[in-house]
Structures are given as C-alpha cells and as structure tokens.
Amino acid sequence: IAHEVRNPLGAISHAGQLLSESELLTMEDKRLTRIITEHSRRVNRIIENVLSLSRREAAIPETIELRGWLDRFIEEFTARNQLSHAAVQVVMQTDNLMALFDPGQLHQIMWNLCENALRYSKRNPLLEFHCGIRSETGRSYIDVIDHGRGIPGEMVEQLFEPFFTTEAKGSGLGLYIARELCEANRASLNLHANRPGGCTFRINFAYADDGQGHAIS
C-alpha cells in the first residue's frame, strides 16, 4: 500500500510545484500550493516510516530539548486546527528536559495523539501536555491529556492493535504505528490514565546524554 500511495503522491507533489511557479497565481493560490507541498511532504514521511517499520530500519534519534520542540509543535498544531491559545496548556516539571528521539517520528506520533485527543475532548483546555522526569527511572516523559469521555474498558486492551478502530473513516494504524515508532527509539507509549473525564497517553523516552556518556535531564 505504501508503495502504491507513493506514485500518485509524487504526481500530486510535482503538479503542486509546477503550479506554484506560475506568475498568474494570487496570494491565496500561493498559500494553497504551499499547503499542497507541505502535506505531500508529511504524507511522504508517513510512507517512509511505514516502510521503515516493515524493514525494521533503525530510527535516527537526536537529543531534543523538549520545551522548545513542544512550543514549535503546538504553534503548528493550533494554527492548523484553528485553536486558541486557551485550548492548549503546558505544564513542565522542570526546565531543560531532554529526550532522545528521531524528531520526524516524534512529530508523527504527537500529531496522531493530539488529533485523537482533539476529536474527543469537550472542554478547555482541549489539550494538556505535562512533561517531567519519572522519579523511579530518571527518564523524561510527555503526557498528552484530553478532556473527553474516556475509553470504554472493553476497548482498552485493543487500542494498540493494528487495524483496530472505532471510527468509520479510521485506518486503525495510528496508535499501532505510534507505539512501533516509540519502540524503534527505545521509548514506550502507553495509556497512562483512563477516566470518565478523559485520557492520558504517555511517551516514556530513552535516556539522553551529553555525548560523553553523562545522563542529562
């Protein structure tokens, strides 16, 4: 499927690029061609990640400063979904939290988790991000929290199974791929909390160090 999607995606991307070079485009049309290009690149990254999973290729993790990375992610996500600043809340346990992860894959995971949360969250803040360090392991984490109705108990065990979905238009691959990508980065993804007032999905990162073998957080 990934190979089959790649061919028409390449044609769409190429057509968008040619269209963007036209001197007859209005500013609004140029904005739309940028959207075509941006989303074509994003879909291509998803395809690459799916193919990488099937080949079991290693991720290319980098040391990420979580606050800065999360601020940029939130800016993009809120703009794309036309959310107000009040719709998103960030709680940082401490400054200078670091994580070891492939940045592109982390973006894909977080986007999937946030779109799922946004679909069900009913009150402000629609999304909460809590970042900290687990005292028992010393590993940093990100919690993605929504204020929805929670997940029915009988579905919890199937959440991360491939092709399991409760949405008519869903593929059932989002959480499965997210967990696989986490494992490829020596991290973990789990349903950390499930209650009638919402859910918390937690990414537990691998240890990051300063390049000299010293753990940093």
C-alpha atoms as a PDB file:
ATOM      1  CA  ILE A   1       0.000   0.000   0.000  1.00  0.00           C
ATOM      2  CA  ALA A   2       2.806   2.417   0.890  1.00  0.00           C
ATOM      3  CA  HIS A   3       4.467   1.842  -2.481  1.00  0.00           C
ATOM      4  CA  GLU A   4       1.173   2.308  -4.313  1.00  0.00           C
ATOM      5  CA  VAL A   5       0.424   5.556  -2.460  1.00  0.00           C
ATOM      6  CA  ARG A   6       3.878   6.932  -3.229  1.00  0.00           C
ATOM      7  CA  ASN A   7       3.317   7.127  -7.011  1.00  0.00           C
ATOM      8  CA  PRO A   8       0.156   9.306  -7.041  1.00  0.00           C
ATOM      9  CA  LEU A   9       1.594  11.318  -4.143  1.00  0.00           C
ATOM     10  CA  GLY A  10       4.643  12.097  -6.265  1.00  0.00           C
ATOM     11  CA  ALA A  11       2.385  13.241  -9.093  1.00  0.00           C
ATOM     12  CA  ILE A  12       0.389  15.499  -6.739  1.00  0.00           C
ATOM     13  CA  SER A  13       3.569  16.990  -5.296  1.00  0.00           C
ATOM     14  CA  HIS A  14       5.055  17.610  -8.756  1.00  0.00           C
ATOM     15  CA  ALA A  15       1.841  19.198 -10.024  1.00  0.00           C
ATOM     16  CA  GLY A  16       1.721  21.461  -6.963  1.00  0.00           C
ATOM     17  CA  GLN A  17       5.319  22.505  -7.531  1.00  0.00           C
ATOM     18  CA  LEU A  18       4.668  23.363 -11.191  1.00  0.00           C
ATOM     19  CA  LEU A  19       1.540  25.287 -10.252  1.00  0.00           C
ATOM     20  CA  SER A  20       3.428  27.302  -7.629  1.00  0.00           C
ATOM     21  CA  GLU A  21       5.818  28.560 -10.336  1.00  0.00           C
ATOM     22  CA  SER A  22       3.022  30.215 -12.298  1.00  0.00           C
ATOM     23  CA  GLU A  23       3.164  34.023 -12.419  1.00  0.00           C
ATOM     24  CA  LEU A  24      -0.638  34.221 -12.575  1.00  0.00           C
ATOM     25  CA  LEU A  25      -1.274  32.981  -9.031  1.00  0.00           C
ATOM     26  CA  THR A  26      -2.882  35.196  -6.442  1.00  0.00           C
ATOM     27  CA  MET A  27      -1.541  35.307  -2.870  1.00  0.00           C
ATOM     28  CA  GLU A  28      -4.351  32.988  -1.775  1.00  0.00           C
ATOM     29  CA  ASP A  29      -3.491  30.494  -4.538  1.00  0.00           C
ATOM     30  CA  LYS A  30       0.160  30.560  -3.483  1.00  0.00           C
ATOM     31  CA  ARG A  31      -0.897  29.801   0.084  1.00  0.00           C
ATOM     32  CA  LEU A  32      -2.856  26.800  -1.174  1.00  0.00           C
ATOM     33  CA  THR A  33       0.103  25.493  -3.186  1.00  0.00           C
ATOM     34  CA  ARG A  34       2.256  25.737  -0.051  1.00  0.00           C
ATOM     35  CA  ILE A  35      -0.328  23.619   1.761  1.00  0.00           C
ATOM     36  CA  ILE A  36      -0.175  21.036  -1.062  1.00  0.00           C
ATOM     37  CA  THR A  37       3.619  20.909  -0.805  1.00  0.00           C
ATOM     38  CA  GLU A  38       3.682  20.745   2.990  1.00  0.00           C
ATOM     39  CA  HIS A  39       1.119  17.966   3.251  1.00  0.00           C
ATOM     40  CA  SER A  40       2.683  15.997   0.414  1.00  0.00           C
ATOM     41  CA  ARG A  41       5.946  16.024   2.329  1.00  0.00           C
ATOM     42  CA  ARG A  42       4.190  14.974   5.517  1.00  0.00           C
ATOM     43  CA  VAL A  43       2.410  12.052   3.820  1.00  0.00           C
ATOM     44  CA  ASN A  44       5.704  11.034   2.268  1.00  0.00           C
ATOM     45  CA  ARG A  45       7.308  10.996   5.726  1.00  0.00           C
ATOM     46  CA  ILE A  46       4.493   8.758   6.943  1.00  0.00           C
ATOM     47  CA  ILE A  47       5.055   6.423   3.997  1.00  0.00           C
ATOM     48  CA  GLU A  48       8.769   6.325   4.766  1.00  0.00           C
ATOM     49  CA  ASN A  49       8.015   5.473   8.403  1.00  0.00           C
ATOM     50  CA  VAL A  50       5.653   2.669   7.405  1.00  0.00           C
ATOM     51  CA  LEU A  51       8.258   1.231   5.034  1.00  0.00           C
ATOM     52  CA  SER A  52      10.903   1.631   7.719  1.00  0.00           C
ATOM     53  CA  LEU A  53       8.744  -0.334  10.153  1.00  0.00           C
ATOM     54  CA  SER A  54       8.263  -3.130   7.639  1.00  0.00           C
ATOM     55  CA  ARG A  55      12.028  -3.288   7.073  1.00  0.00           C
ATOM     56  CA  ARG A  56      12.745  -2.775  10.771  1.00  0.00           C
ATOM     57  CA  GLU A  57      15.214   0.006   9.949  1.00  0.00           C
ATOM     58  CA  ALA A  58      16.676   1.862  12.905  1.00  0.00           C
ATOM     59  CA  ALA A  59      15.477   5.345  13.789  1.00  0.00           C
ATOM     60  CA  ILE A  60      17.973   8.217  13.815  1.00  0.00           C
ATOM     61  CA  PRO A  61      17.476   9.660  17.313  1.00  0.00           C
ATOM     62  CA  GLU A  62      18.728  13.088  18.325  1.00  0.00           C
ATOM     63  CA  THR A  63      18.868  14.827  21.673  1.00  0.00           C
ATOM     64  CA  ILE A  64      15.812  17.112  21.754  1.00  0.00           C
ATOM     65  CA  GLU A  65      15.175  19.983  24.164  1.00  0.00           C
ATOM     66  CA  LEU A  66      11.534  19.269  24.931  1.00  0.00           C
ATOM     67  CA  ARG A  67      10.250  22.737  25.804  1.00  0.00           C
ATOM     68  CA  GLY A  68      11.464  24.352  22.598  1.00  0.00           C
ATOM     69  CA  TRP A  69      10.375  21.396  20.472  1.00  0.00           C
ATOM     70  CA  LEU A  70       6.931  21.306  22.101  1.00  0.00           C
ATOM     71  CA  ASP A  71       6.415  25.070  21.688  1.00  0.00           C
ATOM     72  CA  ARG A  72       7.079  24.796  17.947  1.00  0.00           C
ATOM     73  CA  PHE A  73       4.822  21.754  17.652  1.00  0.00           C
ATOM     74  CA  ILE A  74       1.961  23.487  19.488  1.00  0.00           C
ATOM     75  CA  GLU A  75       2.284  26.584  17.320  1.00  0.00           C
ATOM     76  CA  GLU A  76       1.920  24.457  14.189  1.00  0.00           C
ATOM     77  CA  PHE A  77      -0.849  22.255  15.560  1.00  0.00           C
ATOM     78  CA  THR A  78      -3.001  25.121  16.889  1.00  0.00           C
ATOM     79  CA  ALA A  79      -2.612  27.093  13.652  1.00  0.00           C
ATOM     80  CA  ARG A  80      -3.580  24.104  11.533  1.00  0.00           C
ATOM     81  CA  ASN A  81      -6.614  23.316  13.669  1.00  0.00           C
ATOM     82  CA  GLN A  82      -7.566  26.958  14.301  1.00  0.00           C
ATOM     83  CA  LEU A  83      -7.330  26.610  18.067  1.00  0.00           C
ATOM     84  CA  SER A  84      -6.999  29.463  20.537  1.00  0.00           C
ATOM     85  CA  HIS A  85      -4.097  29.670  22.982  1.00  0.00           C
ATOM     86  CA  ALA A  86      -6.550  28.869  25.788  1.00  0.00           C
ATOM     87  CA  ALA A  87      -7.278  25.494  24.175  1.00  0.00           C
ATOM     88  CA  VAL A  88      -3.791  24.161  24.994  1.00  0.00           C
ATOM     89  CA  GLN A  89      -1.995  24.052  28.329  1.00  0.00           C
ATOM     90  CA  VAL A  90       1.605  23.043  29.028  1.00  0.00           C
ATOM     91  CA  VAL A  91       2.957  22.002  32.415  1.00  0.00           C
ATOM     92  CA  MET A  92       6.724  21.491  32.702  1.00  0.00           C
ATOM     93  CA  GLN A  93       8.026  19.801  35.835  1.00  0.00           C
ATOM     94  CA  THR A  94      11.443  21.381  35.328  1.00  0.00           C
ATOM     95  CA  ASP A  95      13.365  23.360  32.712  1.00  0.00           C
ATOM     96  CA  ASN A  96      15.832  21.855  30.240  1.00  0.00           C
ATOM     97  CA  LEU A  97      14.115  18.500  29.871  1.00  0.00           C
ATOM     98  CA  MET A  98      15.845  16.415  27.217  1.00  0.00           C
ATOM     99  CA  ALA A  99      14.715  13.428  25.175  1.00  0.00           C
ATOM    100  CA  LEU A 100      16.458  11.092  22.750  1.00  0.00           C
ATOM    101  CA  PHE A 101      14.226  10.619  19.698  1.00  0.00           C
ATOM    102  CA  ASP A 102      14.037  10.891  15.926  1.00  0.00           C
ATOM    103  CA  PRO A 103      12.438  14.376  15.515  1.00  0.00           C
ATOM    104  CA  GLY A 104      10.348  13.495  12.448  1.00  0.00           C
ATOM    105  CA  GLN A 105       8.993  10.362  14.072  1.00  0.00           C
ATOM    106  CA  LEU A 106       8.202  12.211  17.301  1.00  0.00           C
ATOM    107  CA  HIS A 107       6.252  14.768  15.260  1.00  0.00           C
ATOM    108  CA  GLN A 108       4.211  11.993  13.633  1.00  0.00           C
ATOM    109  CA  ILE A 109       3.465  10.333  16.984  1.00  0.00           C
ATOM    110  CA  MET A 110       2.452  13.563  18.689  1.00  0.00           C
ATOM    111  CA  TRP A 111       0.303  14.686  15.773  1.00  0.00           C
ATOM    112  CA  ASN A 112      -1.572  11.394  15.858  1.00  0.00           C
ATOM    113  CA  LEU A 113      -2.089  11.532  19.628  1.00  0.00           C
ATOM    114  CA  CYS A 114      -3.221  15.166  19.514  1.00  0.00           C
ATOM    115  CA  GLU A 115      -5.667  14.651  16.655  1.00  0.00           C
ATOM    116  CA  ASN A 116      -7.188  11.728  18.548  1.00  0.00           C
ATOM    117  CA  ALA A 117      -7.424  13.813  21.706  1.00  0.00           C
ATOM    118  CA  LEU A 118      -8.936  16.772  19.888  1.00  0.00           C
ATOM    119  CA  ARG A 119     -11.595  14.537  18.366  1.00  0.00           C
ATOM    120  CA  TYR A 120     -12.962  13.611  21.790  1.00  0.00           C
ATOM    121  CA  SER A 121     -12.051  16.490  24.128  1.00  0.00           C
ATOM    122  CA  LYS A 122     -15.071  18.548  25.196  1.00  0.00           C
ATOM    123  CA  ARG A 123     -13.835  21.417  27.384  1.00  0.00           C
ATOM    124  CA  ASN A 124     -10.929  23.850  27.665  1.00  0.00           C
ATOM    125  CA  PRO A 125      -8.120  23.240  27.767  1.00  0.00           C
ATOM    126  CA  LEU A 126      -8.883  20.785  24.975  1.00  0.00           C
ATOM    127  CA  LEU A 127      -5.323  19.509  25.178  1.00  0.00           C
ATOM    128  CA  GLU A 128      -2.842  19.376  28.023  1.00  0.00           C
ATOM    129  CA  PHE A 129       0.832  18.465  27.813  1.00  0.00           C
ATOM    130  CA  HIS A 130       2.598  17.506  31.022  1.00  0.00           C
ATOM    131  CA  CYS A 131       6.361  16.957  30.829  1.00  0.00           C
ATOM    132  CA  GLY A 132       8.607  15.706  33.565  1.00  0.00           C
ATOM    133  CA  ILE A 133      11.007  13.040  34.814  1.00  0.00           C
ATOM    134  CA  ARG A 134       9.890   9.772  36.351  1.00  0.00           C
ATOM    135  CA  SER A 135      11.483   9.543  39.776  1.00  0.00           C
ATOM    136  CA  GLU A 136      11.767   5.754  39.699  1.00  0.00           C
ATOM    137  CA  THR A 137      13.587   5.610  36.344  1.00  0.00           C
ATOM    138  CA  GLY A 138      15.024   9.084  35.762  1.00  0.00           C
ATOM    139  CA  ARG A 139      13.558   9.056  32.235  1.00  0.00           C
ATOM    140  CA  SER A 140      11.734  12.081  30.817  1.00  0.00           C
ATOM    141  CA  TYR A 141       8.184  11.802  29.536  1.00  0.00           C
ATOM    142  CA  ILE A 142       5.386  13.682  27.766  1.00  0.00           C
ATOM    143  CA  ASP A 143       1.747  13.185  28.708  1.00  0.00           C
ATOM    144  CA  VAL A 144      -0.922  14.043  26.124  1.00  0.00           C
ATOM    145  CA  ILE A 145      -4.162  14.641  28.025  1.00  0.00           C
ATOM    146  CA  ASP A 146      -7.695  15.197  26.740  1.00  0.00           C
ATOM    147  CA  HIS A 147     -10.959  16.015  28.491  1.00  0.00           C
ATOM    148  CA  GLY A 148     -13.265  13.605  26.727  1.00  0.00           C
ATOM    149  CA  ARG A 149     -15.441  10.731  27.843  1.00  0.00           C
ATOM    150  CA  GLY A 150     -12.678   8.201  28.346  1.00  0.00           C
ATOM    151  CA  ILE A 151     -12.203   4.859  26.606  1.00  0.00           C
ATOM    152  CA  PRO A 152     -14.657   2.018  27.303  1.00  0.00           C
ATOM    153  CA  GLY A 153     -12.994  -0.689  29.350  1.00  0.00           C
ATOM    154  CA  GLU A 154     -13.573  -3.430  26.785  1.00  0.00           C
ATOM    155  CA  MET A 155     -11.596  -1.470  24.171  1.00  0.00           C
ATOM    156  CA  VAL A 156      -8.516  -0.698  26.229  1.00  0.00           C
ATOM    157  CA  GLU A 157      -6.742  -3.980  25.510  1.00  0.00           C
ATOM    158  CA  GLN A 158      -7.164  -3.493  21.745  1.00  0.00           C
ATOM    159  CA  LEU A 159      -6.066   0.133  21.466  1.00  0.00           C
ATOM    160  CA  PHE A 160      -2.628  -0.570  20.031  1.00  0.00           C
ATOM    161  CA  GLU A 161      -3.604  -3.490  17.812  1.00  0.00           C
ATOM    162  CA  PRO A 162      -3.224  -2.882  14.066  1.00  0.00           C
ATOM    163  CA  PHE A 163      -6.474  -2.078  12.222  1.00  0.00           C
ATOM    164  CA  PHE A 164      -8.498  -1.683  15.408  1.00  0.00           C
ATOM    165  CA  THR A 165     -10.602   1.482  15.193  1.00  0.00           C
ATOM    166  CA  THR A 166     -13.910   2.860  16.457  1.00  0.00           C
ATOM    167  CA  GLU A 167     -14.049   5.483  13.682  1.00  0.00           C
ATOM    168  CA  ALA A 168     -15.816   4.730  10.404  1.00  0.00           C
ATOM    169  CA  LYS A 169     -13.086   6.571   8.461  1.00  0.00           C
ATOM    170  CA  GLY A 170     -10.190   5.433  10.616  1.00  0.00           C
ATOM    171  CA  SER A 171      -7.446   3.095   9.423  1.00  0.00           C
ATOM    172  CA  GLY A 172      -6.728   1.604  12.834  1.00  0.00           C
ATOM    173  CA  LEU A 173      -2.997   2.087  12.259  1.00  0.00           C
ATOM    174  CA  GLY A 174      -2.361   5.376  14.084  1.00  0.00           C
ATOM    175  CA  LEU A 175      -1.710   4.117  17.612  1.00  0.00           C
ATOM    176  CA  TYR A 176      -0.085   0.925  16.368  1.00  0.00           C
ATOM    177  CA  ILE A 177       2.460   2.856  14.277  1.00  0.00           C
ATOM    178  CA  ALA A 178       2.953   5.361  17.100  1.00  0.00           C
ATOM    179  CA  ARG A 179       3.888   2.590  19.517  1.00  0.00           C
ATOM    180  CA  GLU A 180       6.158   0.898  16.964  1.00  0.00           C
ATOM    181  CA  LEU A 181       7.946   4.186  16.317  1.00  0.00           C
ATOM    182  CA  CYS A 182       8.408   4.681  20.046  1.00  0.00           C
ATOM    183  CA  GLU A 183       9.929   1.228  20.392  1.00  0.00           C
ATOM    184  CA  ALA A 184      12.235   1.956  17.444  1.00  0.00           C
ATOM    185  CA  ASN A 185      13.538   4.907  19.505  1.00  0.00           C
ATOM    186  CA  ARG A 186      13.933   2.794  22.686  1.00  0.00           C
ATOM    187  CA  ALA A 187      10.922   4.614  24.156  1.00  0.00           C
ATOM    188  CA  SER A 188       7.455   3.407  25.122  1.00  0.00           C
ATOM    189  CA  LEU A 189       3.881   4.581  24.597  1.00  0.00           C
ATOM    190  CA  ASN A 190       1.024   3.568  26.848  1.00  0.00           C
ATOM    191  CA  LEU A 191      -2.413   4.586  28.063  1.00  0.00           C
ATOM    192  CA  HIS A 192      -1.285   6.083  31.355  1.00  0.00           C
ATOM    193  CA  ALA A 193      -4.729   7.089  32.676  1.00  0.00           C
ATOM    194  CA  ASN A 194      -8.303   6.419  31.588  1.00  0.00           C
ATOM    195  CA  ARG A 195     -11.216   8.029  33.360  1.00  0.00           C
ATOM    196  CA  PRO A 196     -14.720   9.324  32.535  1.00  0.00           C
ATOM    197  CA  GLY A 197     -13.262  12.843  32.248  1.00  0.00           C
ATOM    198  CA  GLY A 198     -10.557  11.992  29.730  1.00  0.00           C
ATOM    199  CA  CYS A 199      -7.437  10.019  28.855  1.00  0.00           C
ATOM    200  CA  THR A 200      -3.699  10.389  29.248  1.00  0.00           C
ATOM    201  CA  PHE A 201      -1.269   8.851  26.766  1.00  0.00           C
ATOM    202  CA  ARG A 202       2.357   8.861  27.944  1.00  0.00           C
ATOM    203  CA  ILE A 203       5.574   8.685  25.962  1.00  0.00           C
ATOM    204  CA  ASN A 204       8.459   7.488  28.151  1.00  0.00           C
ATOM    205  CA  PHE A 205      11.702   8.484  26.453  1.00  0.00           C
ATOM    206  CA  ALA A 206      15.030   6.698  26.458  1.00  0.00           C
ATOM    207  CA  TYR A 207      17.875   8.232  28.414  1.00  0.00           C
ATOM    208  CA  ALA A 208      19.522  11.218  26.745  1.00  0.00           C
ATOM    209  CA  ASP A 209      23.150  12.138  27.422  1.00  0.00           C
ATOM    210  CA  ASP A 210      25.534  14.952  26.665  1.00  0.00           C
ATOM    211  CA  GLY A 211      27.608  12.959  24.178  1.00  0.00           C
ATOM    212  CA  GLN A 212      30.135  11.953  26.842  1.00  0.00           C
ATOM    213  CA  GLY A 213      28.030   9.307  28.475  1.00  0.00           C
ATOM    214  CA  HIS A 214      26.602  11.603  31.143  1.00  0.00           C
ATOM    215  CA  ALA A 215      22.847  11.438  31.595  1.00  0.00           C
ATOM    216  CA  ILE A 216      21.085  14.792  31.258  1.00  0.00           C
ATOM    217  CA  SER A 217      17.549  15.872  32.005  1.00  0.00           C
END
